[in-house]
Protein backbone atom coordinates (compact mmCIF):
# COMPACT_ATOMS: atom_id res chain seq x y z
CA MET A 1 -111.02 87.04 3.92
CA ASP A 2 -109.53 88.93 1.10
CA VAL A 3 -111.36 91.18 -1.53
CA ILE A 4 -111.51 88.40 -4.08
CA ALA A 5 -112.89 85.69 -1.94
CA ALA A 6 -115.46 88.22 -0.69
CA GLY A 7 -116.44 89.10 -4.28
CA PHE A 8 -117.38 85.60 -4.85
CA TRP A 9 -119.42 85.15 -1.74
CA GLY A 10 -121.13 88.69 -2.83
CA ALA A 11 -122.23 86.87 -6.10
CA PHE A 12 -123.31 84.01 -3.88
CA PHE A 13 -125.70 86.20 -1.64
CA GLY A 14 -126.93 88.05 -4.77
CA ALA A 15 -128.18 85.01 -6.19
CA ALA A 16 -129.95 84.11 -2.87
CA VAL A 17 -131.55 87.30 -2.82
CA LEU A 18 -133.18 86.89 -6.25
CA MET A 19 -134.26 83.51 -5.53
CA PHE A 20 -135.96 84.71 -2.45
CA GLY A 21 -137.64 87.42 -4.28
CA ALA A 22 -138.86 84.90 -6.84
CA SER A 23 -140.36 82.99 -4.17
CA LEU A 24 -142.34 86.09 -2.94
CA TYR A 25 -143.57 86.48 -6.60
CA ALA A 26 -144.60 82.77 -6.67
CA PHE A 27 -146.31 83.35 -3.41
CA ALA A 28 -148.32 86.45 -4.61
CA ARG A 29 -149.57 84.12 -7.61
CA SER A 30 -151.05 81.46 -4.88
CA LEU A 31 -148.27 78.79 -5.89
CA ARG A 32 -147.40 78.38 -2.11
CA ARG A 33 -145.56 75.05 -2.37
CA VAL A 34 -143.14 76.37 -5.09
CA ALA A 35 -142.88 79.80 -3.02
CA LEU A 36 -141.70 77.69 -0.02
CA MET A 37 -139.23 75.41 -1.94
CA ALA A 38 -137.74 78.53 -3.50
CA ALA A 39 -137.69 80.47 -0.03
CA LEU A 40 -136.17 77.45 1.77
CA SER A 41 -133.37 76.91 -0.80
CA SER A 42 -132.25 80.33 -0.60
CA VAL A 43 -132.72 81.01 3.15
CA VAL A 44 -131.22 77.61 4.29
CA SER A 45 -128.24 77.85 1.72
CA ALA A 46 -127.65 81.38 3.10
CA LEU A 47 -127.74 80.67 6.58
CA PHE A 48 -125.40 77.48 5.98
CA VAL A 49 -122.92 79.79 4.29
CA VAL A 50 -123.22 82.46 6.90
CA ALA A 51 -122.48 80.03 9.57
CA TYR A 52 -119.54 78.18 8.00
CA LEU A 53 -117.81 81.36 7.17
CA GLY A 54 -118.14 82.39 10.93
CA TRP A 55 -120.33 85.52 10.42
CA LEU A 56 -122.59 84.63 13.20
CA PRO A 57 -122.21 86.66 16.34
CA VAL A 58 -120.89 83.93 18.43
CA GLY A 59 -117.39 84.89 20.12
CA ASP A 60 -116.28 81.49 21.65
CA ALA A 61 -114.70 78.83 19.39
CA ASP A 62 -116.27 75.84 20.92
CA ALA A 63 -119.89 77.69 20.89
CA GLN A 64 -119.36 78.28 17.32
CA ALA A 65 -118.12 74.74 16.40
CA ARG A 66 -121.48 73.29 18.17
CA LEU A 67 -123.65 76.10 16.63
CA LEU A 68 -122.23 74.85 13.07
CA ALA A 69 -122.87 71.29 13.86
CA HIS A 70 -126.42 71.86 14.16
CA VAL A 71 -126.72 74.03 11.35
CA ALA A 72 -125.19 71.31 9.12
CA MET A 73 -127.73 68.98 10.46
CA LEU A 74 -130.61 71.20 9.95
CA SER A 75 -129.63 72.17 6.45
CA ALA A 76 -129.07 68.51 5.39
CA VAL A 77 -132.48 67.63 6.49
CA VAL A 78 -134.34 70.61 5.35
CA LEU A 79 -132.55 70.33 1.81
CA ALA A 80 -132.98 66.59 1.66
CA LEU A 81 -136.68 66.93 2.24
CA MET A 82 -136.97 69.48 -0.41
CA LEU A 83 -135.16 67.11 -3.07
CA LEU A 84 -137.55 64.35 -2.27
CA SER A 85 -140.53 66.67 -2.55
CA MET A 86 -139.33 67.88 -5.98
CA LEU A 87 -138.96 64.35 -7.16
CA GLY A 88 -142.23 63.19 -6.13
CA TRP A 89 -141.56 61.10 -3.07
CA LEU A 90 -143.14 62.94 -0.48
CA ARG A 91 -146.59 62.59 -2.56
CA ARG A 92 -146.19 58.53 -2.19
CA ARG A 93 -147.47 57.57 1.23
CA GLU A 94 -145.33 54.33 1.23
CA LEU A 95 -142.14 56.66 0.58
CA ALA A 96 -143.11 59.86 2.45
CA ARG A 97 -143.47 58.44 6.05
CA PRO A 98 -140.12 56.39 6.25
CA ALA A 99 -138.20 59.00 4.26
CA VAL A 100 -139.04 61.80 6.51
CA ALA A 101 -138.80 59.53 9.83
CA ALA A 102 -135.34 58.33 8.64
CA LEU A 103 -134.09 62.09 7.94
CA VAL A 104 -135.37 63.61 11.20
CA ALA A 105 -134.32 60.69 13.40
CA THR A 106 -130.72 60.81 11.75
CA GLY A 107 -130.73 64.64 12.49
CA VAL A 108 -131.86 64.25 15.86
CA LEU A 109 -129.63 61.28 16.68
CA VAL A 110 -126.25 63.12 15.20
CA ALA A 111 -127.18 66.19 17.38
CA VAL A 112 -127.50 64.20 20.62
CA ILE A 113 -124.08 62.47 19.98
CA GLY A 114 -122.71 65.48 19.18
CA TRP A 115 -123.08 66.75 22.84
CA PHE A 116 -120.99 64.02 24.20
CA LEU A 117 -117.85 64.91 21.76
CA GLU A 118 -115.60 67.91 21.63
CA PRO A 119 -117.27 70.71 19.84
CA VAL A 120 -114.72 70.33 16.68
CA HIS A 121 -115.39 66.59 16.72
CA ALA A 122 -118.97 67.40 16.77
CA LEU A 123 -118.79 69.53 13.89
CA VAL A 124 -116.67 67.08 12.15
CA LEU A 125 -119.38 64.36 12.43
CA SER A 126 -122.27 66.55 11.54
CA SER A 127 -120.51 67.62 8.53
CA ALA A 128 -119.63 63.99 7.48
CA VAL A 129 -123.02 62.96 8.07
CA ALA A 130 -124.53 66.02 6.04
CA PHE A 131 -122.15 64.89 3.23
CA LEU A 132 -123.68 61.32 3.56
CA VAL A 133 -127.07 62.41 3.11
CA GLY A 134 -126.17 64.54 0.11
CA ALA A 135 -124.76 61.31 -1.35
CA THR A 136 -127.55 59.43 -0.83
CA MET A 137 -129.93 62.15 -2.36
CA LEU A 138 -127.62 62.05 -5.30
CA GLY A 139 -127.91 58.69 -5.77
CA ILE A 140 -131.85 59.18 -5.63
CA ALA A 141 -131.73 61.84 -7.92
CA LEU A 142 -129.37 59.64 -10.35
CA ARG A 143 -132.13 56.66 -10.02
CA SER A 144 -134.96 59.23 -10.61
CA ALA A 145 -133.12 60.43 -13.83
CA LEU A 146 -132.33 57.03 -15.29
CA ASN A 147 -136.08 56.18 -14.92
CA GLY A 148 -137.19 59.20 -16.95
CA ASP A 149 -138.07 61.97 -14.66
CA SER A 150 -137.89 65.08 -16.32
CA LEU A 151 -136.03 66.83 -12.99
CA GLY A 152 -134.05 63.96 -12.40
CA TRP A 153 -130.74 65.39 -14.05
CA ALA A 154 -131.44 68.54 -12.49
CA ALA A 155 -131.59 67.15 -9.35
CA VAL A 156 -128.41 65.44 -9.99
CA ALA A 157 -126.45 68.63 -11.00
CA GLY A 158 -128.12 70.25 -7.93
CA VAL A 159 -127.02 68.09 -5.31
CA TRP A 160 -123.36 67.66 -6.97
CA PHE A 161 -122.71 71.31 -6.73
CA MET A 162 -124.25 71.36 -3.28
CA LEU A 163 -122.10 68.60 -2.12
CA LEU A 164 -119.07 70.53 -3.73
CA ALA A 165 -119.97 73.61 -1.67
CA VAL A 166 -120.28 71.59 1.49
CA ILE A 167 -116.48 70.09 1.13
CA GLY A 168 -115.30 73.64 0.55
CA LEU A 169 -117.23 75.23 3.31
CA THR A 170 -116.16 72.35 6.01
CA TRP A 171 -112.65 73.28 4.93
CA ILE A 172 -113.16 76.72 5.34
CA ALA A 173 -114.65 76.44 8.71
CA VAL A 174 -111.97 74.06 10.13
CA ASP A 175 -109.16 76.30 8.89
CA ARG A 176 -110.01 79.83 8.71
CA ASN A 177 -106.83 80.84 6.49
CA VAL A 178 -107.49 78.75 3.46
CA ALA A 179 -106.49 80.51 0.27
CA TRP A 180 -109.19 82.32 -1.86
CA PRO A 181 -109.58 79.48 -4.45
CA VAL A 182 -111.27 77.36 -1.93
CA HIS A 183 -113.60 80.32 -1.52
CA ALA A 184 -113.93 80.78 -5.01
CA VAL A 185 -114.58 77.28 -6.11
CA SER A 186 -117.29 76.90 -2.95
CA ALA A 187 -119.09 80.23 -3.85
CA THR A 188 -119.32 79.21 -7.58
CA ALA A 189 -120.43 75.82 -6.54
CA GLY A 190 -123.05 77.63 -4.27
CA VAL A 191 -124.22 79.62 -7.20
CA ALA A 192 -124.48 76.78 -9.60
CA TYR A 193 -126.54 74.80 -6.87
CA LEU A 194 -128.91 77.82 -6.54
CA ALA A 195 -129.30 78.25 -10.35
CA VAL A 196 -130.03 74.74 -10.90
CA MET A 197 -132.88 74.80 -8.26
CA ALA A 198 -134.13 78.03 -9.64
CA ALA A 199 -134.36 76.22 -13.14
CA ALA A 200 -136.19 73.08 -11.62
CA LEU A 201 -138.56 74.99 -9.69
CA TRP A 202 -139.41 77.32 -12.95
CA THR A 203 -140.29 74.09 -14.78
CA ARG A 204 -142.60 73.27 -11.75
CA TYR A 205 -143.73 76.77 -11.40
CA SER A 206 -144.58 76.67 -15.26
CA TYR A 207 -146.14 73.39 -15.22
CA LEU A 208 -148.45 74.56 -12.33
CA LEU A 209 -149.57 77.94 -14.38
CA GLU A 210 -150.48 75.92 -17.34
CA LEU A 211 -152.54 73.34 -15.27
CA SER A 212 -154.33 76.07 -13.33
CA GLU A 213 -155.58 77.35 -16.76
CA VAL A 214 -156.47 73.99 -18.17
CA MET A 215 -158.30 73.35 -14.81
CA ALA A 216 -160.25 76.68 -15.28
CA HIS A 217 -160.93 76.43 -18.83
CA GLY A 218 -161.11 72.73 -19.33
CA PRO A 219 -161.37 71.44 -22.98
CA SER A 220 -161.80 75.10 -24.08
CA TYR A 221 -158.02 75.66 -22.96
CA ASP A 222 -155.75 75.77 -26.36
CA PRO A 223 -152.38 74.22 -25.62
CA VAL A 224 -150.66 75.88 -28.51
CA THR A 225 -151.22 79.45 -27.09
CA ARG A 226 -152.10 78.45 -23.63
CA MET A 227 -154.87 80.93 -23.68
CA ARG A 228 -158.70 80.33 -24.04
CA SER A 229 -159.75 78.79 -27.34
CA HIS A 230 -161.72 80.70 -30.10
CA SER A 231 -165.22 79.39 -28.96
CA GLU A 232 -164.34 80.03 -25.26
CA THR A 233 -162.86 83.74 -26.06
CA SER A 234 -166.30 84.79 -27.64
CA GLN A 235 -168.41 83.18 -24.81
CA MET A 236 -165.95 85.41 -22.63
CA LEU A 237 -166.46 88.34 -24.48
CA GLY A 238 -170.44 87.90 -24.57
CA ASP A 239 -170.19 87.20 -20.66
CA ILE A 240 -168.58 90.72 -19.99
CA PHE A 241 -171.22 92.58 -21.95
CA VAL A 242 -174.15 90.72 -20.30
CA ARG A 243 -172.74 91.40 -16.60
CA ARG A 244 -172.36 94.98 -17.46
CA PRO A 245 -175.93 96.02 -19.24
CA GLY A 246 -176.21 99.44 -17.26
CA GLU A 247 -172.67 100.43 -17.07
CA ARG A 248 -171.50 103.88 -18.58
CA GLN A 249 -167.94 103.19 -18.69
CA PRO A 250 -166.68 102.02 -21.99
CA ILE A 251 -164.98 98.71 -22.57
CA GLY A 252 -161.74 98.46 -24.73
CA ILE A 253 -161.29 95.99 -27.06
CA VAL A 254 -158.21 95.31 -28.97
CA VAL A 255 -157.46 92.51 -31.92
CA VAL A 256 -154.23 91.24 -32.94
CA SER A 257 -154.10 89.81 -36.34
CA ILE A 258 -151.26 88.26 -38.07
CA ALA A 259 -151.00 88.35 -41.66
CA ASN A 260 -148.10 85.97 -42.59
CA LEU A 261 -149.07 82.79 -40.58
CA TYR A 262 -150.65 80.95 -43.48
CA ALA A 263 -147.66 81.91 -46.01
CA LEU A 264 -145.30 80.53 -43.19
CA GLU A 265 -147.51 77.34 -43.03
CA ASN A 266 -147.53 76.99 -46.85
CA LEU A 267 -143.50 77.40 -46.84
CA HIS A 268 -142.40 75.64 -44.03
CA GLY A 269 -145.46 73.43 -42.84
CA ARG A 270 -147.61 73.09 -39.78
CA ALA A 271 -145.04 72.70 -37.29
CA ALA A 272 -143.63 76.41 -38.13
CA PHE A 273 -146.86 77.52 -37.91
CA ASN A 274 -147.53 76.32 -34.36
CA HIS A 275 -144.15 77.36 -33.30
CA ALA A 276 -144.98 81.04 -34.53
CA LEU A 277 -148.12 81.05 -33.11
CA PHE A 278 -146.74 79.93 -29.64
CA LEU A 279 -144.19 82.36 -29.46
CA CYS A 280 -146.52 85.20 -30.60
CA ALA A 281 -148.61 84.29 -27.89
CA SER A 282 -145.87 84.14 -25.11
CA ARG A 283 -144.64 87.63 -26.26
CA LEU A 284 -148.43 88.84 -25.89
CA ARG A 285 -149.04 87.38 -22.39
CA ARG A 286 -146.08 89.30 -21.14
CA VAL A 287 -147.00 92.32 -22.29
CA VAL A 288 -150.61 92.28 -21.21
CA PRO A 289 -151.12 93.96 -17.99
CA ALA A 290 -153.30 92.52 -15.22
CA GLY A 291 -157.08 92.59 -15.29
CA VAL A 292 -156.99 92.60 -19.15
CA ALA A 293 -158.83 89.35 -20.40
CA THR A 294 -157.13 87.46 -23.41
CA GLY A 295 -157.90 84.72 -25.62
CA ARG A 296 -157.34 83.17 -28.76
CA LEU A 297 -159.37 84.66 -31.94
CA GLY A 298 -159.59 82.11 -35.02
CA ASP A 299 -156.32 80.73 -36.36
CA ASP A 300 -154.44 83.94 -36.56
CA GLY A 301 -155.41 86.58 -34.14
CA PHE A 302 -155.84 87.13 -30.46
CA LEU A 303 -158.43 89.21 -28.46
CA LEU A 304 -157.71 91.34 -25.47
CA VAL A 305 -160.61 93.15 -23.48
CA MET A 306 -159.78 95.90 -20.91
CA HIS A 307 -162.77 96.67 -18.42
CA ASP A 308 -163.43 100.27 -17.38
CA VAL A 309 -161.49 102.10 -19.80
CA ALA A 310 -161.59 105.43 -18.21
CA ASP A 311 -158.40 106.68 -19.91
CA PRO A 312 -158.27 105.77 -23.62
CA ALA A 313 -154.48 106.42 -23.81
CA ARG A 314 -154.00 103.11 -21.75
CA LEU A 315 -155.68 101.16 -24.75
CA VAL A 316 -153.61 103.12 -27.34
CA GLN A 317 -150.27 102.49 -25.16
CA LEU A 318 -151.28 98.61 -25.10
CA ALA A 319 -151.60 98.57 -28.87
CA ARG A 320 -148.48 99.99 -29.19
CA GLN A 321 -146.69 97.75 -27.00
CA LEU A 322 -148.23 94.83 -28.82
CA ARG A 323 -147.07 95.94 -32.16
CA GLU A 324 -143.80 96.58 -30.99
CA ARG A 325 -143.27 93.41 -29.09
CA LEU A 326 -145.02 90.87 -31.84
CA SER A 327 -143.20 92.57 -34.67
CA ARG A 328 -139.65 91.30 -33.28
CA PRO A 329 -137.99 88.65 -35.44
CA VAL A 330 -137.89 85.23 -33.92
CA ILE A 331 -135.99 82.04 -34.76
CA LEU A 332 -138.51 79.10 -35.75
CA SER A 333 -137.94 75.48 -35.67
CA THR A 334 -139.33 73.93 -38.81
CA GLY A 335 -139.11 70.29 -37.96
CA ARG A 336 -141.54 67.92 -36.22
CA ASP A 337 -139.17 65.78 -34.56
CA PRO A 338 -137.80 66.85 -31.16
CA GLY A 339 -134.27 66.29 -32.58
CA GLU A 340 -134.89 68.96 -35.02
CA LEU A 341 -136.07 71.50 -32.81
CA ASP A 342 -132.40 73.01 -32.47
CA THR A 343 -131.25 72.13 -36.02
CA SER A 344 -134.08 73.28 -38.38
CA ARG A 345 -134.38 77.06 -37.96
CA THR A 346 -135.42 79.89 -39.84
CA GLU A 347 -135.92 83.49 -38.96
CA TRP A 348 -139.55 85.03 -39.35
CA ARG A 349 -141.05 88.16 -38.38
CA ALA A 350 -144.83 88.56 -37.77
CA GLU A 351 -146.70 90.97 -39.76
CA VAL A 352 -149.02 92.19 -37.27
CA GLY A 353 -152.29 94.48 -37.40
CA VAL A 354 -153.85 95.98 -34.20
CA GLY A 355 -157.51 97.19 -34.21
CA LEU A 356 -158.69 98.90 -31.24
CA LEU A 357 -161.94 100.01 -30.05
CA THR A 358 -163.81 101.28 -26.98
CA VAL A 359 -167.70 100.47 -26.84
CA TYR A 360 -170.31 100.42 -24.28
CA PRO A 361 -171.97 97.45 -22.93
CA GLN A 362 -175.33 98.03 -24.78
CA VAL A 363 -173.48 97.40 -28.11
CA ARG A 364 -173.90 93.79 -29.37
CA PRO A 365 -170.75 91.95 -28.42
CA SER A 366 -170.59 90.05 -32.00
CA GLN A 367 -170.91 93.64 -33.82
CA ALA A 368 -168.18 95.16 -31.91
CA LEU A 369 -166.14 92.14 -32.29
CA ALA A 370 -166.53 91.91 -35.99
CA MET A 371 -165.83 95.81 -36.14
CA VAL A 372 -162.47 95.66 -34.24
CA ARG A 373 -161.31 92.34 -35.92
CA ALA A 374 -162.02 94.02 -39.32
CA MET A 375 -159.97 97.02 -38.21
CA SER A 376 -157.00 94.74 -37.44
CA ARG A 377 -157.01 93.37 -40.81
CA THR A 378 -157.23 96.93 -42.20
CA ALA A 379 -154.11 98.08 -40.27
CA TRP A 380 -152.04 95.51 -42.21
CA SER A 381 -151.90 98.22 -44.91
CA TYR A 382 -151.20 101.08 -42.35
CA ALA A 383 -147.42 102.12 -41.79
CA SER A 384 -148.28 102.29 -38.11
CA ARG A 385 -149.93 98.86 -38.34
CA ILE A 386 -152.80 100.26 -35.74
CA ALA A 387 -156.21 101.19 -36.68
CA TRP A 388 -158.73 102.74 -34.46
CA PHE A 389 -161.90 104.57 -34.71
CA ASP A 390 -161.73 108.21 -35.16
CA ASP A 391 -164.67 109.72 -33.28
CA ALA A 392 -164.04 113.21 -34.79
CA ARG A 393 -164.24 111.74 -38.49
CA GLY A 394 -166.68 108.99 -37.65
CA GLU A 395 -164.71 106.38 -39.56
CA ILE A 396 -161.90 103.81 -39.17
CA ALA A 397 -158.23 105.47 -39.45
CA GLU A 398 -154.79 104.91 -38.86
CA LEU A 399 -153.40 105.82 -35.61
CA PRO A 400 -151.00 108.90 -36.43
CA ILE A 401 -147.46 107.79 -37.15
CA ALA A 402 -146.60 110.32 -34.41
CA ASP A 403 -148.64 108.86 -31.74
CA ALA A 404 -147.77 105.12 -32.68
CA ALA A 405 -143.84 105.65 -32.68
C-alpha cells in the first residue's frame, strides 16, 4: 500500500476513534443503547477494514481468506441488526424475532457452507451474501424513508456508502495490488458511512436527552429552552434553600436577563423571539458546568444556582463566560413555516445583563432571587454587563472592567 492509500485509511480510522470516544461519552450519560450502537459501528467497521486490508497477523493465505469470510458475515449480521434497531424494527415483537432469526441463520449457514469450499471461494460467497444483506437493508431503509421515518433517509445514505466500501474492500482483499484510487474511494465511503451513522445516532441521542428532561420535570418542562419552566425554577430554588437550613457554605446565584428580546418580538414576531430564546438557552447549557442547576426565569431570563461556593472566583468566571457566549451575534429565522427557516434570516445580538450573588441558606429565597434579578437588569447599563454585590462598599456595583475582560 502506498502513502496516498495509507493516508485515506488513516482518515477512516481517525473517524472510527472519534466515534468510539463519543460512544464512551454517551455511556457516561447513561444512554447505554446509543453508546452500544456507536461503539459497534466504529469497532465492527474498523475490524472489517483491518481484516480486508490484510493487517491481521495471519500468515497463511488460505487461513486469511477463511478468516475474512467469517469477518464479512459477522459484520453484515451485526450492522444489519443495528440498522433494524435504529429504524425501530427490533422494538416490534412481530418483526424482531423473524428478522433476528433470519439474519443469524443466514450467517451460520454461510459460515458452514464456506468450510466445504475452497478458502477463496468461501470469501467470495461471504462477501456476496454480505452485499445482499446490505442491499436488503437498503430496501428496508428506503421503505422507512418513504413512509416518513425521520431517520430513513440517513439510513439509506449510510447503507449506500457501506455497500460501496464493501465492494472496494472485497476488490482489495482479492487483489492486493489494486491502484490507490480504489483505496481512496473505499476509505472515503467508509468515512461517509461513519459520519452518517454519527449524525443519525446524534439525532437519537438528542431526542433521548430531551425525553429524559421531560420525564424528570413533566408539565414543568419548557420545550423552547429545554429547561425547567419559570414556576419549576422558583420551586427548585426554594427546595435548595429548604434542604440546607444549617449550612454555612454560601450558595451562588446567577441571573441572566436579555434586554432586547421584546424589541425583537415587536420587530420580527414571536417566531424570531422563540428562536432567539432557543439559541440563547442552547449556548447557556453548553457553558454551564456540571453540578449547576439551571432554569428559565420569566420570559427573558435564566437562573443558575451553584452549590457550596467555596471559591467566589468560580462564580465570577461563570458570569464572564455567560456574558461572552450569549453576546455573540446569531442568525435568526423570522418565518413560522418550516420552509422559511433557511430563507427568512436576520442577524441579532443579545443585550445581556448578568447578576451574581452569594448568599447563605438562612436568607429567604424569594428575597435573594428578587435582588439578583434586579442586579442583572442593572447590569444592562454597565460596560462590563456584569453586576455583583460589593461587600466592601455594601452596595450593588459593576464588576470592574479589568476583571470582566
